[in-house]
Amino acid sequence: MKSTTKRTQRDYSLAFKLAVVDQVEKGEMTYKQAQLRYGIQGRSTVLTWLRKYGHLNWTKGSLTPTRLGDAMPYTSTPQTPEQRIKELEQQLEDTKLKADFFEAVVHVMDRDYG
C-alpha cells in the first residue's frame, strides 16, 4: 500500500513552467493531467502558468491566441489597407526570422551530428 504525504509549497523553475505550458497548449495533456503527472499540488497552479506564460487566452474559457503574430487581432473598426499591409509585413518579417533561426539550428545539428 502506498502512503502519501502532503507536500509543502514548491518553487518551480521558469523552464519547467514553460515546458508544462507548452505540453498543455500542444494538446499532449490537459492541465489536470500535467498537474497529476508532475505532482503539482495546487489546483490552479498550472492554469495560472497558462494565463501568465501561454500563447492562448485561458481567462474566459476560450482558447484563442493572444500574442502578437499568433492571430489577427479583432478590432471594432475595420482596418485600412495600409494598416493591414503593415500588419502582414510584420508577420512576414517574424516568419522570416523564425525560418532563419530554424535553418541555423539545422545547420548546427548537421555539422555536429551529421
N, C-alpha and C. Protein backbone atom coordinates (compact mmCIF):
# COMPACT_ATOMS: atom_id res chain seq x y z
N MET A 1 0.84 -1.18 0.00
CA MET A 1 0.00 0.00 0.00
C MET A 1 0.88 1.24 0.00
N LYS A 2 0.54 2.19 -0.82
CA LYS A 2 1.32 3.39 -0.98
C LYS A 2 0.90 4.44 0.05
N SER A 3 1.85 4.99 0.75
CA SER A 3 1.49 6.06 1.68
C SER A 3 1.75 7.40 1.00
N THR A 4 0.85 8.31 1.18
CA THR A 4 1.01 9.63 0.57
C THR A 4 1.27 10.64 1.66
N THR A 5 2.20 11.51 1.39
CA THR A 5 2.49 12.58 2.32
C THR A 5 2.20 13.89 1.63
N LYS A 6 1.68 14.80 2.38
CA LYS A 6 1.34 16.11 1.82
C LYS A 6 2.63 16.89 1.61
N ARG A 7 2.74 17.42 0.43
CA ARG A 7 3.94 18.17 0.10
C ARG A 7 3.77 19.63 0.51
N THR A 8 4.90 20.26 0.73
CA THR A 8 4.87 21.69 1.03
C THR A 8 4.95 22.45 -0.28
N GLN A 9 4.81 23.74 -0.19
CA GLN A 9 4.87 24.57 -1.39
C GLN A 9 6.22 24.42 -2.07
N ARG A 10 6.19 24.30 -3.40
CA ARG A 10 7.42 24.16 -4.17
C ARG A 10 7.59 25.35 -5.08
N ASP A 11 8.84 25.68 -5.34
CA ASP A 11 9.16 26.69 -6.33
C ASP A 11 9.60 25.96 -7.59
N TYR A 12 8.98 26.30 -8.71
CA TYR A 12 9.30 25.66 -9.96
C TYR A 12 10.10 26.62 -10.83
N SER A 13 11.05 26.09 -11.57
CA SER A 13 11.86 26.93 -12.44
C SER A 13 11.01 27.43 -13.61
N LEU A 14 11.44 28.53 -14.18
CA LEU A 14 10.73 29.09 -15.33
C LEU A 14 10.75 28.09 -16.49
N ALA A 15 11.87 27.41 -16.67
CA ALA A 15 11.97 26.43 -17.76
C ALA A 15 10.94 25.32 -17.57
N PHE A 16 10.76 24.86 -16.35
CA PHE A 16 9.78 23.81 -16.07
C PHE A 16 8.38 24.31 -16.37
N LYS A 17 8.07 25.52 -15.91
CA LYS A 17 6.74 26.09 -16.14
C LYS A 17 6.45 26.20 -17.63
N LEU A 18 7.44 26.71 -18.38
CA LEU A 18 7.25 26.88 -19.82
C LEU A 18 7.09 25.54 -20.52
N ALA A 19 7.80 24.53 -20.06
CA ALA A 19 7.68 23.20 -20.65
C ALA A 19 6.28 22.62 -20.41
N VAL A 20 5.77 22.79 -19.20
CA VAL A 20 4.42 22.30 -18.89
C VAL A 20 3.39 23.05 -19.73
N VAL A 21 3.51 24.37 -19.80
CA VAL A 21 2.58 25.19 -20.59
C VAL A 21 2.62 24.75 -22.06
N ASP A 22 3.80 24.51 -22.58
CA ASP A 22 3.94 24.09 -23.97
C ASP A 22 3.25 22.75 -24.22
N GLN A 23 3.43 21.81 -23.31
CA GLN A 23 2.80 20.50 -23.47
C GLN A 23 1.28 20.60 -23.43
N VAL A 24 0.77 21.42 -22.54
CA VAL A 24 -0.69 21.57 -22.43
C VAL A 24 -1.24 22.25 -23.68
N GLU A 25 -0.57 23.30 -24.14
CA GLU A 25 -1.08 24.02 -25.30
C GLU A 25 -0.95 23.23 -26.59
N LYS A 26 -0.01 22.31 -26.66
CA LYS A 26 0.11 21.45 -27.84
C LYS A 26 -0.91 20.33 -27.82
N GLY A 27 -1.59 20.16 -26.70
CA GLY A 27 -2.61 19.13 -26.60
C GLY A 27 -2.06 17.78 -26.19
N GLU A 28 -0.82 17.74 -25.73
CA GLU A 28 -0.23 16.48 -25.31
C GLU A 28 -0.89 15.97 -24.03
N MET A 29 -1.41 16.89 -23.22
CA MET A 29 -2.11 16.54 -21.99
C MET A 29 -2.95 17.73 -21.55
N THR A 30 -3.92 17.46 -20.71
CA THR A 30 -4.72 18.54 -20.14
C THR A 30 -3.96 19.14 -18.97
N TYR A 31 -4.43 20.28 -18.50
CA TYR A 31 -3.73 20.89 -17.37
C TYR A 31 -3.86 20.02 -16.13
N LYS A 32 -4.97 19.31 -16.00
CA LYS A 32 -5.15 18.42 -14.85
C LYS A 32 -4.21 17.21 -14.95
N GLN A 33 -4.02 16.69 -16.17
CA GLN A 33 -3.09 15.58 -16.35
C GLN A 33 -1.66 16.03 -16.04
N ALA A 34 -1.32 17.24 -16.45
CA ALA A 34 0.02 17.78 -16.15
C ALA A 34 0.21 17.90 -14.65
N GLN A 35 -0.83 18.36 -13.98
CA GLN A 35 -0.78 18.50 -12.53
C GLN A 35 -0.50 17.15 -11.87
N LEU A 36 -1.20 16.12 -12.30
CA LEU A 36 -1.00 14.78 -11.73
C LEU A 36 0.35 14.19 -12.12
N ARG A 37 0.72 14.33 -13.38
CA ARG A 37 1.96 13.73 -13.86
C ARG A 37 3.19 14.29 -13.16
N TYR A 38 3.20 15.61 -12.94
CA TYR A 38 4.38 16.25 -12.37
C TYR A 38 4.24 16.51 -10.86
N GLY A 39 3.15 16.07 -10.27
CA GLY A 39 2.98 16.22 -8.83
C GLY A 39 2.82 17.66 -8.38
N ILE A 40 2.16 18.45 -9.20
CA ILE A 40 1.93 19.85 -8.87
C ILE A 40 0.71 19.90 -7.96
N GLN A 41 0.92 20.39 -6.74
CA GLN A 41 -0.11 20.26 -5.72
C GLN A 41 -1.28 21.23 -5.89
N GLY A 42 -1.02 22.48 -6.18
CA GLY A 42 -2.08 23.47 -6.25
C GLY A 42 -3.06 23.20 -7.38
N ARG A 43 -4.34 23.37 -7.10
CA ARG A 43 -5.36 23.09 -8.12
C ARG A 43 -5.29 24.04 -9.30
N SER A 44 -4.94 25.28 -9.04
CA SER A 44 -4.94 26.27 -10.12
C SER A 44 -3.54 26.68 -10.55
N THR A 45 -2.53 26.02 -10.06
CA THR A 45 -1.15 26.40 -10.39
C THR A 45 -0.89 26.36 -11.89
N VAL A 46 -1.24 25.25 -12.53
CA VAL A 46 -0.98 25.12 -13.97
C VAL A 46 -1.81 26.14 -14.75
N LEU A 47 -3.04 26.37 -14.34
CA LEU A 47 -3.86 27.37 -15.02
C LEU A 47 -3.24 28.76 -14.89
N THR A 48 -2.69 29.04 -13.73
CA THR A 48 -2.02 30.33 -13.54
C THR A 48 -0.84 30.46 -14.49
N TRP A 49 -0.07 29.39 -14.64
CA TRP A 49 1.05 29.40 -15.57
C TRP A 49 0.56 29.59 -17.00
N LEU A 50 -0.55 28.93 -17.35
CA LEU A 50 -1.09 29.07 -18.70
C LEU A 50 -1.50 30.50 -18.98
N ARG A 51 -2.12 31.13 -18.00
CA ARG A 51 -2.53 32.53 -18.18
C ARG A 51 -1.32 33.44 -18.30
N LYS A 52 -0.30 33.16 -17.52
CA LYS A 52 0.87 34.04 -17.46
C LYS A 52 1.83 33.83 -18.61
N TYR A 53 2.09 32.57 -18.98
CA TYR A 53 3.13 32.28 -19.96
C TYR A 53 2.61 31.71 -21.27
N GLY A 54 1.34 31.37 -21.34
CA GLY A 54 0.82 30.70 -22.52
C GLY A 54 0.54 31.62 -23.68
N HIS A 55 0.38 31.00 -24.84
CA HIS A 55 0.05 31.72 -26.07
C HIS A 55 -1.45 31.84 -26.28
N LEU A 56 -2.23 31.12 -25.49
CA LEU A 56 -3.67 31.12 -25.66
C LEU A 56 -4.34 31.91 -24.55
N ASN A 57 -5.55 32.35 -24.81
CA ASN A 57 -6.31 33.11 -23.81
C ASN A 57 -7.07 32.12 -22.94
N TRP A 58 -6.62 31.94 -21.72
CA TRP A 58 -7.23 30.98 -20.80
C TRP A 58 -8.14 31.67 -19.80
N THR A 59 -8.42 32.95 -19.96
CA THR A 59 -9.16 33.68 -18.93
C THR A 59 -10.65 33.43 -18.97
N LYS A 60 -11.25 33.28 -20.12
CA LYS A 60 -12.71 33.18 -20.21
C LYS A 60 -13.16 31.82 -20.73
N GLY A 61 -12.32 30.83 -20.60
CA GLY A 61 -12.70 29.51 -21.05
C GLY A 61 -12.55 29.30 -22.54
N SER A 62 -12.15 30.35 -23.25
CA SER A 62 -11.96 30.20 -24.68
C SER A 62 -10.47 30.09 -24.95
N LEU A 63 -10.11 29.32 -25.94
CA LEU A 63 -8.72 29.13 -26.28
C LEU A 63 -8.42 29.89 -27.56
N THR A 64 -8.13 31.17 -27.42
CA THR A 64 -7.82 31.99 -28.57
C THR A 64 -6.42 32.55 -28.43
N PRO A 65 -5.66 32.66 -29.53
CA PRO A 65 -4.31 33.21 -29.45
C PRO A 65 -4.35 34.65 -28.94
N THR A 66 -3.33 35.01 -28.13
CA THR A 66 -3.31 36.34 -27.55
C THR A 66 -2.05 37.11 -27.88
N ARG A 67 -0.98 36.46 -28.29
CA ARG A 67 0.26 37.17 -28.54
C ARG A 67 0.30 37.68 -29.96
N LEU A 68 0.99 38.79 -30.16
CA LEU A 68 1.11 39.41 -31.47
C LEU A 68 1.72 38.43 -32.45
N GLY A 69 1.14 38.30 -33.59
CA GLY A 69 1.65 37.40 -34.60
C GLY A 69 0.99 36.04 -34.56
N ASP A 70 0.29 35.72 -33.49
CA ASP A 70 -0.37 34.42 -33.39
C ASP A 70 -1.69 34.43 -34.15
N ALA A 71 -2.34 35.57 -34.22
CA ALA A 71 -3.62 35.65 -34.91
C ALA A 71 -3.90 37.10 -35.24
N MET A 72 -4.85 37.29 -36.09
CA MET A 72 -5.27 38.64 -36.41
C MET A 72 -6.07 39.21 -35.25
N PRO A 73 -5.72 40.40 -34.79
CA PRO A 73 -6.48 40.97 -33.68
C PRO A 73 -7.86 41.39 -34.15
N TYR A 74 -8.81 41.24 -33.27
CA TYR A 74 -10.16 41.67 -33.57
C TYR A 74 -10.32 43.12 -33.15
N THR A 75 -10.73 43.94 -34.07
CA THR A 75 -10.92 45.35 -33.76
C THR A 75 -12.37 45.71 -34.05
N SER A 76 -12.84 46.75 -33.38
CA SER A 76 -14.21 47.16 -33.59
C SER A 76 -14.38 47.89 -34.92
N THR A 77 -13.30 48.52 -35.42
CA THR A 77 -13.37 49.19 -36.71
C THR A 77 -12.52 48.42 -37.71
N PRO A 78 -12.95 48.39 -38.96
CA PRO A 78 -12.18 47.67 -39.97
C PRO A 78 -10.82 48.36 -40.18
N GLN A 79 -9.82 47.54 -40.52
CA GLN A 79 -8.50 48.09 -40.78
C GLN A 79 -8.46 48.74 -42.16
N THR A 80 -7.65 49.78 -42.23
CA THR A 80 -7.41 50.38 -43.55
C THR A 80 -6.45 49.47 -44.30
N PRO A 81 -6.42 49.57 -45.60
CA PRO A 81 -5.46 48.73 -46.35
C PRO A 81 -4.02 48.94 -45.89
N GLU A 82 -3.67 50.17 -45.54
CA GLU A 82 -2.31 50.45 -45.08
C GLU A 82 -2.01 49.73 -43.76
N GLN A 83 -2.99 49.74 -42.85
CA GLN A 83 -2.81 49.04 -41.57
C GLN A 83 -2.67 47.54 -41.79
N ARG A 84 -3.49 47.01 -42.67
CA ARG A 84 -3.46 45.58 -42.96
C ARG A 84 -2.12 45.19 -43.58
N ILE A 85 -1.63 46.01 -44.51
CA ILE A 85 -0.34 45.76 -45.15
C ILE A 85 0.77 45.78 -44.12
N LYS A 86 0.74 46.76 -43.23
CA LYS A 86 1.77 46.88 -42.20
C LYS A 86 1.75 45.65 -41.28
N GLU A 87 0.56 45.21 -40.91
CA GLU A 87 0.42 44.03 -40.06
C GLU A 87 0.96 42.78 -40.76
N LEU A 88 0.62 42.61 -42.04
CA LEU A 88 1.08 41.45 -42.78
C LEU A 88 2.59 41.50 -43.01
N GLU A 89 3.14 42.68 -43.22
CA GLU A 89 4.59 42.81 -43.37
C GLU A 89 5.30 42.41 -42.07
N GLN A 90 4.74 42.79 -40.94
CA GLN A 90 5.32 42.42 -39.65
C GLN A 90 5.27 40.91 -39.45
N GLN A 91 4.15 40.30 -39.82
CA GLN A 91 4.04 38.85 -39.70
C GLN A 91 5.04 38.14 -40.63
N LEU A 92 5.22 38.68 -41.82
CA LEU A 92 6.18 38.11 -42.76
C LEU A 92 7.60 38.21 -42.20
N GLU A 93 7.94 39.35 -41.62
CA GLU A 93 9.26 39.53 -41.03
C GLU A 93 9.48 38.55 -39.88
N ASP A 94 8.47 38.38 -39.03
CA ASP A 94 8.57 37.42 -37.92
C ASP A 94 8.77 36.00 -38.45
N THR A 95 8.05 35.66 -39.50
CA THR A 95 8.17 34.33 -40.09
C THR A 95 9.55 34.12 -40.69
N LYS A 96 10.10 35.15 -41.34
CA LYS A 96 11.44 35.05 -41.90
C LYS A 96 12.48 34.85 -40.80
N LEU A 97 12.33 35.56 -39.69
CA LEU A 97 13.26 35.40 -38.57
C LEU A 97 13.20 33.98 -38.01
N LYS A 98 12.00 33.45 -37.89
CA LYS A 98 11.85 32.08 -37.40
C LYS A 98 12.48 31.09 -38.37
N ALA A 99 12.26 31.29 -39.65
CA ALA A 99 12.83 30.39 -40.66
C ALA A 99 14.36 30.44 -40.62
N ASP A 100 14.93 31.64 -40.49
CA ASP A 100 16.39 31.78 -40.40
C ASP A 100 16.92 31.06 -39.16
N PHE A 101 16.22 31.20 -38.07
CA PHE A 101 16.62 30.53 -36.83
C PHE A 101 16.62 29.01 -37.01
N PHE A 102 15.54 28.48 -37.56
CA PHE A 102 15.45 27.03 -37.73
C PHE A 102 16.48 26.51 -38.72
N GLU A 103 16.78 27.29 -39.75
CA GLU A 103 17.82 26.88 -40.69
C GLU A 103 19.18 26.84 -39.99
N ALA A 104 19.44 27.80 -39.11
CA ALA A 104 20.70 27.82 -38.36
C ALA A 104 20.78 26.62 -37.43
N VAL A 105 19.68 26.27 -36.80
CA VAL A 105 19.66 25.11 -35.91
C VAL A 105 19.95 23.84 -36.70
N VAL A 106 19.31 23.70 -37.86
CA VAL A 106 19.54 22.52 -38.70
C VAL A 106 21.00 22.46 -39.13
N HIS A 107 21.57 23.60 -39.49
CA HIS A 107 22.97 23.64 -39.90
C HIS A 107 23.88 23.18 -38.77
N VAL A 108 23.67 23.68 -37.56
CA VAL A 108 24.48 23.30 -36.41
C VAL A 108 24.32 21.81 -36.11
N MET A 109 23.09 21.32 -36.12
CA MET A 109 22.84 19.90 -35.86
C MET A 109 23.51 19.04 -36.93
N ASP A 110 23.41 19.46 -38.18
CA ASP A 110 24.03 18.72 -39.26
C ASP A 110 25.55 18.69 -39.11
N ARG A 111 26.12 19.83 -38.75
CA ARG A 111 27.57 19.93 -38.56
C ARG A 111 28.03 19.07 -37.38
N ASP A 112 27.29 19.15 -36.27
CA ASP A 112 27.72 18.46 -35.05
C ASP A 112 27.39 16.98 -35.04
N TYR A 113 26.27 16.59 -35.64
CA TYR A 113 25.83 15.21 -35.53
C TYR A 113 25.72 14.48 -36.87
N GLY A 114 25.97 15.21 -37.94
CA GLY A 114 25.96 14.57 -39.26
C GLY A 114 24.65 14.41 -39.83
